[in-house]
Amino acid sequence: MSVPLPLIRAHLNLDDDRDPDLLSHYANVAALWVAAYTGQPFTADNALMVQAALLLVAHQYESREGVTFASPYQLPFGVHDLLSPLKERVTGYQPDTVAP
């Protein structure tokens, strides 16, 4: 796992052992998102990457739906934001082909 489970539990103020699989899943998703966003491999030694992953894990753990009942707007770091770094950018640019 990319971010240690005890660190995630401390960040979320969880005093029990609930949801280890879910927290591990969120940590893996967060690490992949950080890596895709930065274009660099996720490393647990990079404090900035770990902090960003912890923020993403907390958001995903607290907000498990794409929208909330109180607000019809999409929550940040939803499906579009998670997939955005993986999306191929289409600019309309096509390089000239060189004739042989």
PDB file of N, CA and C in Angstrom:
ATOM      1  N   MET A   1       0.846  -1.175   0.000  1.00  0.00           N
ATOM      2  CA  MET A   1       0.000   0.000   0.000  1.00  0.00           C
ATOM      3  C   MET A   1       0.889   1.235   0.000  1.00  0.00           C
ATOM      4  N   SER A   2       0.390   2.277  -0.554  1.00  0.00           N
ATOM      5  CA  SER A   2       1.166   3.486  -0.735  1.00  0.00           C
ATOM      6  C   SER A   2       1.248   4.350   0.519  1.00  0.00           C
ATOM      7  N   VAL A   3       0.161   4.485   1.239  1.00  0.00           N
ATOM      8  CA  VAL A   3       0.134   5.279   2.468  1.00  0.00           C
ATOM      9  C   VAL A   3      -0.183   4.313   3.610  1.00  0.00           C
ATOM     10  N   PRO A   4       0.611   4.332   4.674  1.00  0.00           N
ATOM     11  CA  PRO A   4       0.384   3.380   5.770  1.00  0.00           C
ATOM     12  C   PRO A   4      -0.995   3.553   6.408  1.00  0.00           C
ATOM     13  N   LEU A   5      -1.642   2.439   6.681  1.00  0.00           N
ATOM     14  CA  LEU A   5      -2.976   2.443   7.281  1.00  0.00           C
ATOM     15  C   LEU A   5      -3.007   3.163   8.634  1.00  0.00           C
ATOM     16  N   PRO A   6      -2.012   2.997   9.505  1.00  0.00           N
ATOM     17  CA  PRO A   6      -2.039   3.738  10.770  1.00  0.00           C
ATOM     18  C   PRO A   6      -2.029   5.266  10.569  1.00  0.00           C
ATOM     19  N   LEU A   7      -1.311   5.732   9.551  1.00  0.00           N
ATOM     20  CA  LEU A   7      -1.285   7.159   9.264  1.00  0.00           C
ATOM     21  C   LEU A   7      -2.646   7.640   8.767  1.00  0.00           C
ATOM     22  N   ILE A   8      -3.286   6.818   7.949  1.00  0.00           N
ATOM     23  CA  ILE A   8      -4.634   7.161   7.466  1.00  0.00           C
ATOM     24  C   ILE A   8      -5.605   7.220   8.634  1.00  0.00           C
ATOM     25  N   ARG A   9      -5.547   6.236   9.522  1.00  0.00           N
ATOM     26  CA  ARG A   9      -6.438   6.215  10.698  1.00  0.00           C
ATOM     27  C   ARG A   9      -6.194   7.438  11.590  1.00  0.00           C
ATOM     28  N   ALA A  10      -4.933   7.823  11.764  1.00  0.00           N
ATOM     29  CA  ALA A  10      -4.621   9.002  12.573  1.00  0.00           C
ATOM     30  C   ALA A  10      -5.158  10.264  11.906  1.00  0.00           C
ATOM     31  N   HIS A  11      -5.020  10.354  10.588  1.00  0.00           N
ATOM     32  CA  HIS A  11      -5.518  11.515   9.849  1.00  0.00           C
ATOM     33  C   HIS A  11      -7.033  11.632   9.953  1.00  0.00           C
ATOM     34  N   LEU A  12      -7.713  10.496   9.933  1.00  0.00           N
ATOM     35  CA  LEU A  12      -9.181  10.484   9.991  1.00  0.00           C
ATOM     36  C   LEU A  12      -9.725  10.460  11.422  1.00  0.00           C
ATOM     37  N   ASN A  13      -8.830  10.404  12.408  1.00  0.00           N
ATOM     38  CA  ASN A  13      -9.235  10.303  13.816  1.00  0.00           C
ATOM     39  C   ASN A  13     -10.103   9.072  14.081  1.00  0.00           C
ATOM     40  N   LEU A  14      -9.712   7.950  13.506  1.00  0.00           N
ATOM     41  CA  LEU A  14     -10.425   6.690  13.723  1.00  0.00           C
ATOM     42  C   LEU A  14      -9.726   5.925  14.839  1.00  0.00           C
ATOM     43  N   ASP A  15     -10.464   5.590  15.873  1.00  0.00           N
ATOM     44  CA  ASP A  15      -9.883   4.884  17.021  1.00  0.00           C
ATOM     45  C   ASP A  15     -10.087   3.378  16.967  1.00  0.00           C
ATOM     46  N   ASP A  16     -10.799   2.906  15.950  1.00  0.00           N
ATOM     47  CA  ASP A  16     -11.074   1.473  15.870  1.00  0.00           C
ATOM     48  C   ASP A  16     -10.497   0.910  14.574  1.00  0.00           C
ATOM     49  N   ASP A  17     -10.730  -0.372  14.361  1.00  0.00           N
ATOM     50  CA  ASP A  17     -10.171  -1.055  13.185  1.00  0.00           C
ATOM     51  C   ASP A  17     -11.182  -1.222  12.065  1.00  0.00           C
ATOM     52  N   ARG A  18     -12.152  -0.331  11.962  1.00  0.00           N
ATOM     53  CA  ARG A  18     -13.182  -0.487  10.931  1.00  0.00           C
ATOM     54  C   ARG A  18     -12.653  -0.118   9.539  1.00  0.00           C
ATOM     55  N   ASP A  19     -13.249  -0.724   8.561  1.00  0.00           N
ATOM     56  CA  ASP A  19     -13.045  -0.423   7.139  1.00  0.00           C
ATOM     57  C   ASP A  19     -11.605  -0.526   6.629  1.00  0.00           C
ATOM     58  N   PRO A  20     -10.829  -1.535   7.014  1.00  0.00           N
ATOM     59  CA  PRO A  20      -9.447  -1.577   6.516  1.00  0.00           C
ATOM     60  C   PRO A  20      -9.364  -1.742   4.998  1.00  0.00           C
ATOM     61  N   ASP A  21     -10.248  -2.554   4.416  1.00  0.00           N
ATOM     62  CA  ASP A  21     -10.213  -2.749   2.965  1.00  0.00           C
ATOM     63  C   ASP A  21     -10.609  -1.477   2.234  1.00  0.00           C
ATOM     64  N   LEU A  22     -11.609  -0.785   2.738  1.00  0.00           N
ATOM     65  CA  LEU A  22     -12.065   0.454   2.117  1.00  0.00           C
ATOM     66  C   LEU A  22     -10.984   1.530   2.204  1.00  0.00           C
ATOM     67  N   LEU A  23     -10.357   1.658   3.366  1.00  0.00           N
ATOM     68  CA  LEU A  23      -9.292   2.650   3.522  1.00  0.00           C
ATOM     69  C   LEU A  23      -8.095   2.325   2.639  1.00  0.00           C
ATOM     70  N   SER A  24      -7.757   1.055   2.512  1.00  0.00           N
ATOM     71  CA  SER A  24      -6.665   0.647   1.625  1.00  0.00           C
ATOM     72  C   SER A  24      -6.998   0.965   0.176  1.00  0.00           C
ATOM     73  N   HIS A  25      -8.239   0.724  -0.195  1.00  0.00           N
ATOM     74  CA  HIS A  25      -8.678   1.042  -1.554  1.00  0.00           C
ATOM     75  C   HIS A  25      -8.569   2.540  -1.818  1.00  0.00           C
ATOM     76  N   TYR A  26      -9.078   3.355  -0.898  1.00  0.00           N
ATOM     77  CA  TYR A  26      -9.001   4.806  -1.063  1.00  0.00           C
ATOM     78  C   TYR A  26      -7.553   5.274  -1.129  1.00  0.00           C
ATOM     79  N   ALA A  27      -6.673   4.661  -0.352  1.00  0.00           N
ATOM     80  CA  ALA A  27      -5.262   5.038  -0.377  1.00  0.00           C
ATOM     81  C   ALA A  27      -4.636   4.711  -1.726  1.00  0.00           C
ATOM     82  N   ASN A  28      -4.979   3.552  -2.279  1.00  0.00           N
ATOM     83  CA  ASN A  28      -4.447   3.180  -3.592  1.00  0.00           C
ATOM     84  C   ASN A  28      -4.969   4.108  -4.686  1.00  0.00           C
ATOM     85  N   VAL A  29      -6.252   4.438  -4.624  1.00  0.00           N
ATOM     86  CA  VAL A  29      -6.838   5.366  -5.601  1.00  0.00           C
ATOM     87  C   VAL A  29      -6.153   6.726  -5.495  1.00  0.00           C
ATOM     88  N   ALA A  30      -5.975   7.202  -4.274  1.00  0.00           N
ATOM     89  CA  ALA A  30      -5.343   8.509  -4.072  1.00  0.00           C
ATOM     90  C   ALA A  30      -3.907   8.516  -4.602  1.00  0.00           C
ATOM     91  N   ALA A  31      -3.162   7.454  -4.333  1.00  0.00           N
ATOM     92  CA  ALA A  31      -1.780   7.378  -4.815  1.00  0.00           C
ATOM     93  C   ALA A  31      -1.734   7.368  -6.341  1.00  0.00           C
ATOM     94  N   LEU A  32      -2.624   6.632  -6.961  1.00  0.00           N
ATOM     95  CA  LEU A  32      -2.675   6.606  -8.425  1.00  0.00           C
ATOM     96  C   LEU A  32      -3.061   7.957  -8.988  1.00  0.00           C
ATOM     97  N   TRP A  33      -4.003   8.657  -8.321  1.00  0.00           N
ATOM     98  CA  TRP A  33      -4.427   9.972  -8.782  1.00  0.00           C
ATOM     99  C   TRP A  33      -3.268  10.958  -8.692  1.00  0.00           C
ATOM    100  N   VAL A  34      -2.552  10.942  -7.585  1.00  0.00           N
ATOM    101  CA  VAL A  34      -1.404  11.839  -7.406  1.00  0.00           C
ATOM    102  C   VAL A  34      -0.346  11.551  -8.462  1.00  0.00           C
ATOM    103  N   ALA A  35      -0.078  10.278  -8.715  1.00  0.00           N
ATOM    104  CA  ALA A  35       0.918   9.905  -9.722  1.00  0.00           C
ATOM    105  C   ALA A  35       0.484  10.337 -11.118  1.00  0.00           C
ATOM    106  N   ALA A  36      -0.784  10.136 -11.450  1.00  0.00           N
ATOM    107  CA  ALA A  36      -1.273  10.535 -12.768  1.00  0.00           C
ATOM    108  C   ALA A  36      -1.267  12.049 -12.917  1.00  0.00           C
ATOM    109  N   TYR A  37      -1.600  12.749 -11.851  1.00  0.00           N
ATOM    110  CA  TYR A  37      -1.651  14.210 -11.897  1.00  0.00           C
ATOM    111  C   TYR A  37      -0.262  14.817 -12.040  1.00  0.00           C
ATOM    112  N   THR A  38       0.698  14.270 -11.314  1.00  0.00           N
ATOM    113  CA  THR A  38       2.050  14.835 -11.338  1.00  0.00           C
ATOM    114  C   THR A  38       2.912  14.278 -12.463  1.00  0.00           C
ATOM    115  N   GLY A  39       2.554  13.110 -12.972  1.00  0.00           N
ATOM    116  CA  GLY A  39       3.390  12.470 -13.979  1.00  0.00           C
ATOM    117  C   GLY A  39       4.610  11.814 -13.377  1.00  0.00           C
ATOM    118  N   GLN A  40       4.628  11.668 -12.055  1.00  0.00           N
ATOM    119  CA  GLN A  40       5.748  11.053 -11.352  1.00  0.00           C
ATOM    120  C   GLN A  40       5.235   9.864 -10.557  1.00  0.00           C
ATOM    121  N   PRO A  41       6.070   8.867 -10.328  1.00  0.00           N
ATOM    122  CA  PRO A  41       5.626   7.750  -9.495  1.00  0.00           C
ATOM    123  C   PRO A  41       5.356   8.225  -8.069  1.00  0.00           C
ATOM    124  N   PHE A  42       4.317   7.677  -7.452  1.00  0.00           N
ATOM    125  CA  PHE A  42       4.005   8.021  -6.072  1.00  0.00           C
ATOM    126  C   PHE A  42       5.030   7.379  -5.164  1.00  0.00           C
ATOM    127  N   THR A  43       5.580   8.159  -4.258  1.00  0.00           N
ATOM    128  CA  THR A  43       6.511   7.613  -3.273  1.00  0.00           C
ATOM    129  C   THR A  43       6.069   8.044  -1.883  1.00  0.00           C
ATOM    130  N   ALA A  44       6.094   7.110  -0.965  1.00  0.00           N
ATOM    131  CA  ALA A  44       5.693   7.390   0.410  1.00  0.00           C
ATOM    132  C   ALA A  44       6.728   8.245   1.127  1.00  0.00           C
ATOM    133  N   ASP A  45       7.896   8.454   0.527  1.00  0.00           N
ATOM    134  CA  ASP A  45       8.922   9.317   1.119  1.00  0.00           C
ATOM    135  C   ASP A  45       8.681  10.791   0.813  1.00  0.00           C
ATOM    136  N   ASN A  46       7.828  11.077  -0.157  1.00  0.00           N
ATOM    137  CA  ASN A  46       7.546  12.458  -0.542  1.00  0.00           C
ATOM    138  C   ASN A  46       6.382  12.973   0.302  1.00  0.00           C
ATOM    139  N   ALA A  47       6.685  13.843   1.241  1.00  0.00           N
ATOM    140  CA  ALA A  47       5.666  14.328   2.182  1.00  0.00           C
ATOM    141  C   ALA A  47       4.525  15.054   1.478  1.00  0.00           C
ATOM    142  N   LEU A  48       4.827  15.775   0.406  1.00  0.00           N
ATOM    143  CA  LEU A  48       3.769  16.487  -0.319  1.00  0.00           C
ATOM    144  C   LEU A  48       2.792  15.510  -0.972  1.00  0.00           C
ATOM    145  N   MET A  49       3.330  14.456  -1.558  1.00  0.00           N
ATOM    146  CA  MET A  49       2.469  13.452  -2.181  1.00  0.00           C
ATOM    147  C   MET A  49       1.622  12.730  -1.134  1.00  0.00           C
ATOM    148  N   VAL A  50       2.239  12.398  -0.008  1.00  0.00           N
ATOM    149  CA  VAL A  50       1.509  11.697   1.051  1.00  0.00           C
ATOM    150  C   VAL A  50       0.406  12.590   1.612  1.00  0.00           C
ATOM    151  N   GLN A  51       0.693  13.873   1.824  1.00  0.00           N
ATOM    152  CA  GLN A  51      -0.323  14.776   2.353  1.00  0.00           C
ATOM    153  C   GLN A  51      -1.477  14.930   1.364  1.00  0.00           C
ATOM    154  N   ALA A  52      -1.164  15.059   0.082  1.00  0.00           N
ATOM    155  CA  ALA A  52      -2.222  15.145  -0.933  1.00  0.00           C
ATOM    156  C   ALA A  52      -3.058  13.869  -0.927  1.00  0.00           C
ATOM    157  N   ALA A  53      -2.404  12.715  -0.811  1.00  0.00           N
ATOM    158  CA  ALA A  53      -3.129  11.444  -0.768  1.00  0.00           C
ATOM    159  C   ALA A  53      -4.022  11.362   0.470  1.00  0.00           C
ATOM    160  N   LEU A  54      -3.520  11.831   1.621  1.00  0.00           N
ATOM    161  CA  LEU A  54      -4.331  11.823   2.839  1.00  0.00           C
ATOM    162  C   LEU A  54      -5.574  12.708   2.688  1.00  0.00           C
ATOM    163  N   LEU A  55      -5.408  13.855   2.055  1.00  0.00           N
ATOM    164  CA  LEU A  55      -6.561  14.733   1.831  1.00  0.00           C
ATOM    165  C   LEU A  55      -7.583  14.061   0.917  1.00  0.00           C
ATOM    166  N   LEU A  56      -7.092  13.383  -0.118  1.00  0.00           N
ATOM    167  CA  LEU A  56      -7.999  12.672  -1.019  1.00  0.00           C
ATOM    168  C   LEU A  56      -8.701  11.519  -0.304  1.00  0.00           C
ATOM    169  N   VAL A  57      -7.968  10.771   0.504  1.00  0.00           N
ATOM    170  CA  VAL A  57      -8.562   9.659   1.255  1.00  0.00           C
ATOM    171  C   VAL A  57      -9.645  10.183   2.188  1.00  0.00           C
ATOM    172  N   ALA A  58      -9.356  11.268   2.896  1.00  0.00           N
ATOM    173  CA  ALA A  58     -10.344  11.842   3.822  1.00  0.00           C
ATOM    174  C   ALA A  58     -11.587  12.289   3.077  1.00  0.00           C
ATOM    175  N   HIS A  59     -11.388  12.922   1.939  1.00  0.00           N
ATOM    176  CA  HIS A  59     -12.539  13.373   1.154  1.00  0.00           C
ATOM    177  C   HIS A  59     -13.379  12.177   0.693  1.00  0.00           C
ATOM    178  N   GLN A  60     -12.720  11.147   0.172  1.00  0.00           N
ATOM    179  CA  GLN A  60     -13.452   9.986  -0.322  1.00  0.00           C
ATOM    180  C   GLN A  60     -14.142   9.239   0.810  1.00  0.00           C
ATOM    181  N   TYR A  61     -13.520   9.193   1.971  1.00  0.00           N
ATOM    182  CA  TYR A  61     -14.106   8.480   3.101  1.00  0.00           C
ATOM    183  C   TYR A  61     -15.316   9.221   3.662  1.00  0.00           C
ATOM    184  N   GLU A  62     -15.231  10.536   3.719  1.00  0.00           N
ATOM    185  CA  GLU A  62     -16.327  11.336   4.273  1.00  0.00           C
ATOM    186  C   GLU A  62     -17.454  11.553   3.265  1.00  0.00           C
ATOM    187  N   SER A  63     -17.129  11.620   1.988  1.00  0.00           N
ATOM    188  CA  SER A  63     -18.118  11.903   0.941  1.00  0.00           C
ATOM    189  C   SER A  63     -18.132  10.737  -0.032  1.00  0.00           C
ATOM    190  N   ARG A  64     -18.941   9.754   0.241  1.00  0.00           N
ATOM    191  CA  ARG A  64     -18.904   8.515  -0.548  1.00  0.00           C
ATOM    192  C   ARG A  64     -19.810   8.546  -1.764  1.00  0.00           C
ATOM    193  N   GLU A  65     -20.513   9.632  -1.965  1.00  0.00           N
ATOM    194  CA  GLU A  65     -21.396   9.768  -3.124  1.00  0.00           C
ATOM    195  C   GLU A  65     -20.894  10.911  -3.996  1.00  0.00           C
ATOM    196  N   GLY A  66     -21.337  10.935  -5.239  1.00  0.00           N
ATOM    197  CA  GLY A  66     -20.926  11.977  -6.176  1.00  0.00           C
ATOM    198  C   GLY A  66     -21.535  13.332  -5.870  1.00  0.00           C
ATOM    199  N   VAL A  67     -22.701  13.328  -5.250  1.00  0.00           N
ATOM    200  CA  VAL A  67     -23.365  14.566  -4.838  1.00  0.00           C
ATOM    201  C   VAL A  67     -23.935  14.337  -3.448  1.00  0.00           C
ATOM    202  N   THR A  68     -24.241  15.421  -2.766  1.00  0.00           N
ATOM    203  CA  THR A  68     -24.841  15.289  -1.450  1.00  0.00           C
ATOM    204  C   THR A  68     -26.313  15.655  -1.519  1.00  0.00           C
ATOM    205  N   PHE A  69     -27.056  15.256  -0.542  1.00  0.00           N
ATOM    206  CA  PHE A  69     -28.479  15.572  -0.494  1.00  0.00           C
ATOM    207  C   PHE A  69     -28.686  17.074  -0.363  1.00  0.00           C
ATOM    208  N   ALA A  70     -27.820  17.729   0.401  1.00  0.00           N
ATOM    209  CA  ALA A  70     -27.966  19.163   0.640  1.00  0.00           C
ATOM    210  C   ALA A  70     -27.547  19.998  -0.560  1.00  0.00           C
ATOM    211  N   SER A  71     -26.689  19.455  -1.414  1.00  0.00           N
ATOM    212  CA  SER A  71     -26.186  20.217  -2.552  1.00  0.00           C
ATOM    213  C   SER A  71     -26.257  19.361  -3.812  1.00  0.00           C
ATOM    214  N   PRO A  72     -26.934  19.862  -4.846  1.00  0.00           N
ATOM    215  CA  PRO A  72     -27.027  19.080  -6.087  1.00  0.00           C
ATOM    216  C   PRO A  72     -25.768  19.155  -6.939  1.00  0.00           C
ATOM    217  N   TYR A  73     -24.773  19.887  -6.489  1.00  0.00           N
ATOM    218  CA  TYR A  73     -23.558  20.050  -7.275  1.00  0.00           C
ATOM    219  C   TYR A  73     -22.592  18.908  -7.009  1.00  0.00           C
ATOM    220  N   GLN A  74     -21.790  18.615  -8.029  1.00  0.00           N
ATOM    221  CA  GLN A  74     -20.802  17.556  -7.879  1.00  0.00           C
ATOM    222  C   GLN A  74     -19.772  17.935  -6.830  1.00  0.00           C
ATOM    223  N   LEU A  75     -19.382  16.970  -6.057  1.00  0.00           N
ATOM    224  CA  LEU A  75     -18.331  17.203  -5.081  1.00  0.00           C
ATOM    225  C   LEU A  75     -16.979  17.214  -5.786  1.00  0.00           C
ATOM    226  N   PRO A  76     -15.999  17.944  -5.256  1.00  0.00           N
ATOM    227  CA  PRO A  76     -14.667  17.901  -5.860  1.00  0.00           C
ATOM    228  C   PRO A  76     -14.061  16.509  -5.724  1.00  0.00           C
ATOM    229  N   PHE A  77     -13.171  16.198  -6.597  1.00  0.00           N
ATOM    230  CA  PHE A  77     -12.487  14.906  -6.646  1.00  0.00           C
ATOM    231  C   PHE A  77     -13.463  13.764  -6.882  1.00  0.00           C
ATOM    232  N   GLY A  78     -14.491  14.033  -7.663  1.00  0.00           N
ATOM    233  CA  GLY A  78     -15.425  13.001  -8.081  1.00  0.00           C
ATOM    234  C   GLY A  78     -14.882  12.272  -9.292  1.00  0.00           C
ATOM    235  N   VAL A  79     -15.748  11.634 -10.009  1.00  0.00           N
ATOM    236  CA  VAL A  79     -15.344  10.797 -11.146  1.00  0.00           C
ATOM    237  C   VAL A  79     -14.561  11.594 -12.184  1.00  0.00           C
ATOM    238  N   HIS A  80     -15.072  12.771 -12.545  1.00  0.00           N
ATOM    239  CA  HIS A  80     -14.371  13.561 -13.571  1.00  0.00           C
ATOM    240  C   HIS A  80     -12.976  13.978 -13.115  1.00  0.00           C
ATOM    241  N   ASP A  81     -12.872  14.415 -11.880  1.00  0.00           N
ATOM    242  CA  ASP A  81     -11.569  14.837 -11.382  1.00  0.00           C
ATOM    243  C   ASP A  81     -10.607  13.665 -11.245  1.00  0.00           C
ATOM    244  N   LEU A  82     -11.108  12.507 -10.842  1.00  0.00           N
ATOM    245  CA  LEU A  82     -10.233  11.338 -10.711  1.00  0.00           C
ATOM    246  C   LEU A  82      -9.725  10.856 -12.060  1.00  0.00           C
ATOM    247  N   LEU A  83     -10.567  10.936 -13.083  1.00  0.00           N
ATOM    248  CA  LEU A  83     -10.171  10.429 -14.396  1.00  0.00           C
ATOM    249  C   LEU A  83      -9.476  11.479 -15.257  1.00  0.00           C
ATOM    250  N   SER A  84      -9.542  12.732 -14.880  1.00  0.00           N
ATOM    251  CA  SER A  84      -8.966  13.808 -15.680  1.00  0.00           C
ATOM    252  C   SER A  84      -7.484  13.614 -15.989  1.00  0.00           C
ATOM    253  N   PRO A  85      -6.638  13.231 -15.030  1.00  0.00           N
ATOM    254  CA  PRO A  85      -5.222  13.056 -15.369  1.00  0.00           C
ATOM    255  C   PRO A  85      -4.966  11.908 -16.345  1.00  0.00           C
ATOM    256  N   LEU A  86      -5.897  10.989 -16.472  1.00  0.00           N
ATOM    257  CA  LEU A  86      -5.710   9.839 -17.357  1.00  0.00           C
ATOM    258  C   LEU A  86      -6.227  10.095 -18.769  1.00  0.00           C
ATOM    259  N   LYS A  87      -6.937  11.178 -18.930  1.00  0.00           N
ATOM    260  CA  LYS A  87      -7.602  11.479 -20.190  1.00  0.00           C
ATOM    261  C   LYS A  87      -6.596  11.949 -21.240  1.00  0.00           C
ATOM    262  N   GLU A  88      -6.759  11.449 -22.452  1.00  0.00           N
ATOM    263  CA  GLU A  88      -5.926  11.930 -23.548  1.00  0.00           C
ATOM    264  C   GLU A  88      -6.431  13.301 -23.954  1.00  0.00           C
ATOM    265  N   ARG A  89      -5.523  14.227 -24.061  1.00  0.00           N
ATOM    266  CA  ARG A  89      -5.896  15.593 -24.426  1.00  0.00           C
ATOM    267  C   ARG A  89      -6.059  15.691 -25.941  1.00  0.00           C
ATOM    268  N   VAL A  90      -7.142  16.281 -26.359  1.00  0.00           N
ATOM    269  CA  VAL A  90      -7.407  16.464 -27.779  1.00  0.00           C
ATOM    270  C   VAL A  90      -7.324  17.955 -28.064  1.00  0.00           C
ATOM    271  N   THR A  91      -6.364  18.335 -28.885  1.00  0.00           N
ATOM    272  CA  THR A  91      -6.175  19.754 -29.170  1.00  0.00           C
ATOM    273  C   THR A  91      -6.535  20.120 -30.602  1.00  0.00           C
ATOM    274  N   GLY A  92      -6.706  19.130 -31.439  1.00  0.00           N
ATOM    275  CA  GLY A  92      -6.970  19.409 -32.846  1.00  0.00           C
ATOM    276  C   GLY A  92      -5.699  19.501 -33.673  1.00  0.00           C
ATOM    277  N   TYR A  93      -4.559  19.540 -33.016  1.00  0.00           N
ATOM    278  CA  TYR A  93      -3.288  19.622 -33.719  1.00  0.00           C
ATOM    279  C   TYR A  93      -2.941  18.286 -34.349  1.00  0.00           C
ATOM    280  N   GLN A  94      -2.591  18.318 -35.613  1.00  0.00           N
ATOM    281  CA  GLN A  94      -2.123  17.120 -36.303  1.00  0.00           C
ATOM    282  C   GLN A  94      -0.809  17.463 -36.979  1.00  0.00           C
ATOM    283  N   PRO A  95       0.249  16.779 -36.605  1.00  0.00           N
ATOM    284  CA  PRO A  95       1.555  17.099 -37.228  1.00  0.00           C
ATOM    285  C   PRO A  95       1.545  16.764 -38.709  1.00  0.00           C
ATOM    286  N   ASP A  96       2.313  17.535 -39.469  1.00  0.00           N
ATOM    287  CA  ASP A  96       2.438  17.263 -40.903  1.00  0.00           C
ATOM    288  C   ASP A  96       3.134  15.925 -41.088  1.00  0.00           C
ATOM    289  N   THR A  97       2.612  15.152 -41.994  1.00  0.00           N
ATOM    290  CA  THR A  97       3.268  13.870 -42.292  1.00  0.00           C
ATOM    291  C   THR A  97       4.324  14.108 -43.358  1.00  0.00           C
ATOM    292  N   VAL A  98       5.425  13.457 -43.191  1.00  0.00           N
ATOM    293  CA  VAL A  98       6.530  13.592 -44.138  1.00  0.00           C
ATOM    294  C   VAL A  98       6.401  12.494 -45.179  1.00  0.00           C
ATOM    295  N   ALA A  99       6.355  12.884 -46.441  1.00  0.00           N
ATOM    296  CA  ALA A  99       6.252  11.902 -47.535  1.00  0.00           C
ATOM    297  C   ALA A  99       7.590  11.183 -47.688  1.00  0.00           C
ATOM    298  N   PRO A 100       7.553   9.864 -47.914  1.00  0.00           N
ATOM    299  CA  PRO A 100       8.817   9.107 -48.063  1.00  0.00           C
ATOM    300  C   PRO A 100       9.550   9.419 -49.333  1.00  0.00           C
TER     301      PRO A 100
END
